[in-house]
Amino acid sequence: MPFESSRPVHRLFWAALPDCQTAAAIAEVALRERGRHGLTGRPLQTERLHVTLYHVGDEAVPPTDELVENLATRASAVVMPPFRVAFNRAQSFRNGAFVLAGDDGVIGLDVLHQRLSDELDWQPRPARRFTPHLTLLYDRQRIAEQPIEAISWTVREMVLVESLVGQTVHRHLARVTLH
C-alpha cells in the first residue's frame, strides 16, 4: 500500500519568471556568489527561478481544472502594463534563502503583487507585507546585503505555478499576459 500523507504537497502560487536568457545569467550569478562566499547550498534549477507574487495555497491533492480556470480569470482582471524589474543586491534571509533583492527596480513587483492580491483575496485588505526577491539557493551560512551588477528583464506575464513540494518540480498551469 502506498504511503499517504495529509501534508500538503501541491503548492500553488502566481509568479513572475525571467526569460530564458536572463534565467541563465541569474544561474551564473548564483554559482559565482556561491563560490565567492563559500556557500554549500545547491543553486535552484534554472527553470525553477521565479519571483513569487502571490501564494494561493497548499493542498494535499492536485488543483482542479475549475480552480485553475477561476484563478486565471480573476488574475486576468489585473490591469498592469509590462514593466522592467531589476535586482541589484544579494543577501541572505533568516530562513537560509540566499536571494536577489532590489531597490527602486522592484517597485513594479510591489504594485503587481498588490493588484493581484486585490483580485484574488476574497476580502481585499490593506497591503500585505511583501519583499520582492528571487531565491538563488538555501544555505546555513548568512551573507549580509551586498551590491551586485543589476540583473533585469521585462515582466510581461504572470504564471500560475504548481510546485510539488520536496520534489523540485514546477508545473506551469496558466499564464496571464499583463495589459
Protein backbone atom coordinates (compact mmCIF):
# COMPACT_ATOMS: atom_id res chain seq x y z
CA MET A 1 0.00 0.00 0.00
CA PRO A 2 1.48 3.42 -0.97
CA PHE A 3 2.31 5.85 1.81
CA GLU A 4 -0.32 8.54 2.12
CA SER A 5 0.33 11.81 3.87
CA SER A 6 -2.07 14.58 4.79
CA ARG A 7 0.81 17.03 4.44
CA PRO A 8 0.18 19.47 1.60
CA VAL A 9 2.38 18.70 -1.37
CA HIS A 10 0.76 20.81 -4.10
CA ARG A 11 1.69 24.47 -3.61
CA LEU A 12 0.02 26.99 -5.92
CA PHE A 13 1.38 30.47 -6.48
CA TRP A 14 1.46 33.22 -9.06
CA ALA A 15 4.97 34.11 -10.21
CA ALA A 16 6.98 36.36 -12.47
CA LEU A 17 9.51 34.32 -14.43
CA PRO A 18 12.69 35.62 -16.03
CA ASP A 19 13.11 34.95 -19.74
CA CYS A 20 15.48 32.08 -20.65
CA GLN A 21 18.49 34.32 -21.31
CA THR A 22 18.04 36.18 -18.01
CA ALA A 23 17.47 32.93 -16.11
CA ALA A 24 20.80 31.64 -17.46
CA ALA A 25 22.51 34.87 -16.33
CA ILE A 26 20.91 34.53 -12.88
CA ALA A 27 22.13 30.93 -12.65
CA GLU A 28 25.67 32.18 -13.38
CA VAL A 29 25.35 34.79 -10.62
CA ALA A 30 24.19 32.07 -8.22
CA LEU A 31 27.28 29.96 -8.98
CA ARG A 32 29.62 32.94 -8.78
CA GLU A 33 28.21 34.20 -5.47
CA ARG A 34 28.09 30.68 -4.06
CA GLY A 35 31.82 30.27 -4.72
CA ARG A 36 32.69 33.80 -3.61
CA HIS A 37 31.08 33.30 -0.21
CA GLY A 38 31.91 29.62 0.30
CA LEU A 39 28.26 28.59 0.31
CA THR A 40 27.47 24.90 0.03
CA GLY A 41 23.77 25.03 -0.85
CA ARG A 42 22.80 23.76 -4.27
CA PRO A 43 21.56 26.51 -6.62
CA LEU A 44 17.96 26.24 -7.79
CA GLN A 45 17.49 24.73 -11.22
CA THR A 46 17.39 27.44 -13.88
CA GLU A 47 13.84 26.51 -14.92
CA ARG A 48 12.62 27.00 -11.33
CA LEU A 49 13.89 30.58 -10.91
CA HIS A 50 10.98 32.91 -10.19
CA VAL A 51 9.61 35.75 -8.10
CA THR A 52 6.58 34.69 -6.08
CA LEU A 53 3.84 37.30 -6.50
CA TYR A 54 1.00 35.66 -4.57
CA HIS A 55 0.77 32.40 -2.63
CA VAL A 56 -2.59 30.80 -3.42
CA GLY A 57 -2.35 27.84 -1.06
CA ASP A 58 -1.08 24.36 -0.24
CA GLU A 59 -3.18 21.26 -0.76
CA ALA A 60 -2.74 17.50 -0.45
CA VAL A 61 -4.38 16.97 -3.85
CA PRO A 62 -3.66 18.49 -7.29
CA PRO A 63 -5.66 21.58 -8.26
CA THR A 64 -8.78 21.03 -10.30
CA ASP A 65 -9.21 22.45 -13.79
CA GLU A 66 -12.05 24.58 -12.41
CA LEU A 67 -9.80 26.12 -9.77
CA VAL A 68 -7.07 26.87 -12.31
CA GLU A 69 -9.62 28.46 -14.66
CA ASN A 70 -11.13 30.52 -11.83
CA LEU A 71 -7.72 31.78 -10.69
CA ALA A 72 -6.70 32.64 -14.25
CA THR A 73 -9.96 34.50 -14.88
CA ARG A 74 -9.59 36.53 -11.70
CA ALA A 75 -5.90 37.26 -12.33
CA SER A 76 -6.68 38.42 -15.88
CA ALA A 77 -8.69 41.28 -14.34
CA VAL A 78 -5.43 42.82 -13.09
CA VAL A 79 -4.63 45.93 -15.09
CA MET A 80 -0.88 46.38 -15.25
CA PRO A 81 1.31 47.10 -18.26
CA PRO A 82 4.54 45.16 -18.79
CA PHE A 83 7.37 46.65 -16.72
CA ARG A 84 11.10 46.36 -16.17
CA VAL A 85 12.34 44.70 -12.98
CA ALA A 86 15.93 45.00 -11.75
CA PHE A 87 17.67 43.24 -8.87
CA ASN A 88 20.84 44.96 -7.65
CA ARG A 89 21.56 43.26 -4.31
CA ALA A 90 22.26 39.77 -2.97
CA GLN A 91 21.57 38.80 0.63
CA SER A 92 20.50 36.01 2.95
CA PHE A 93 17.11 35.82 4.61
CA ARG A 94 16.62 34.36 8.08
CA ASN A 95 15.22 31.13 6.63
CA GLY A 96 18.55 30.46 4.87
CA ALA A 97 17.43 31.65 1.44
CA PHE A 98 20.20 33.44 -0.46
CA VAL A 99 18.33 35.82 -2.74
CA LEU A 100 18.47 38.61 -5.26
CA ALA A 101 16.74 41.74 -3.99
CA GLY A 102 16.38 45.26 -5.27
CA ASP A 103 15.74 48.88 -4.57
CA ASP A 104 13.61 51.03 -6.88
CA GLY A 105 13.95 48.37 -9.60
CA VAL A 106 11.42 46.12 -7.85
CA ILE A 107 8.64 48.68 -7.36
CA GLY A 108 6.67 47.20 -10.27
CA LEU A 109 6.62 43.85 -8.45
CA ASP A 110 5.20 45.59 -5.37
CA VAL A 111 2.44 47.14 -7.46
CA LEU A 112 1.66 43.90 -9.30
CA HIS A 113 1.56 41.99 -6.01
CA GLN A 114 -0.97 44.41 -4.51
CA ARG A 115 -3.18 44.43 -7.62
CA LEU A 116 -3.12 40.64 -7.79
CA SER A 117 -3.92 40.41 -4.06
CA ASP A 118 -6.89 42.75 -4.56
CA GLU A 119 -8.26 40.45 -7.30
CA LEU A 120 -7.60 37.13 -5.58
CA ASP A 121 -8.35 37.83 -1.92
CA TRP A 122 -11.93 37.04 -1.06
CA GLN A 123 -11.97 40.20 1.03
CA PRO A 124 -9.42 42.76 -0.18
CA ARG A 125 -7.42 44.20 2.67
CA PRO A 126 -4.63 46.69 3.22
CA ALA A 127 -1.30 45.99 1.59
CA ARG A 128 0.32 42.78 2.75
CA ARG A 129 3.95 42.66 3.74
CA PHE A 130 5.80 41.77 0.55
CA THR A 131 9.53 41.70 -0.12
CA PRO A 132 10.18 41.09 -3.82
CA HIS A 133 13.06 38.64 -4.21
CA LEU A 134 14.34 35.79 -6.32
CA THR A 135 15.80 32.84 -4.41
CA LEU A 136 19.12 31.50 -5.72
CA LEU A 137 19.81 28.77 -3.15
CA TYR A 138 19.47 27.83 0.53
CA ASP A 139 22.44 27.72 2.88
CA ARG A 140 23.08 27.76 6.63
CA GLN A 141 25.67 30.49 6.26
CA ARG A 142 24.19 34.00 6.21
CA ILE A 143 25.51 36.67 3.86
CA ALA A 144 24.91 40.35 4.60
CA GLU A 145 23.28 42.51 1.95
CA GLN A 146 25.71 43.48 -0.78
CA PRO A 147 25.50 45.22 -4.15
CA ILE A 148 25.75 43.23 -7.37
CA GLU A 149 25.65 44.22 -11.01
CA ALA A 150 21.96 44.70 -11.75
CA ILE A 151 20.07 41.86 -13.39
CA SER A 152 16.90 42.93 -15.17
CA TRP A 153 14.18 41.79 -17.51
CA THR A 154 10.74 42.89 -18.65
CA VAL A 155 7.86 41.24 -16.81
CA ARG A 156 5.18 40.60 -19.46
CA GLU A 157 3.06 37.94 -17.78
CA MET A 158 2.14 36.16 -14.57
CA VAL A 159 2.38 32.37 -14.40
CA LEU A 160 0.31 30.14 -12.12
CA VAL A 161 2.78 27.57 -10.79
CA GLU A 162 2.06 24.26 -9.10
CA SER A 163 5.08 23.27 -7.03
CA LEU A 164 5.33 19.66 -5.93
CA VAL A 165 6.84 20.37 -2.52
CA GLY A 166 10.04 18.47 -1.83
CA GLN A 167 10.22 17.12 -5.37
CA THR A 168 11.84 20.11 -7.14
CA VAL A 169 9.06 20.08 -9.75
CA HIS A 170 7.26 23.17 -11.03
CA ARG A 171 4.32 22.90 -13.42
CA HIS A 172 3.04 25.98 -15.24
CA LEU A 173 -0.76 25.76 -15.16
CA ALA A 174 -1.85 29.13 -16.56
CA ARG A 175 -0.37 32.31 -18.00
CA VAL A 176 -1.88 35.77 -17.85
CA THR A 177 -0.44 38.50 -20.04
CA LEU A 178 -0.04 41.92 -18.44
CA HIS A 179 -2.09 44.65 -20.07
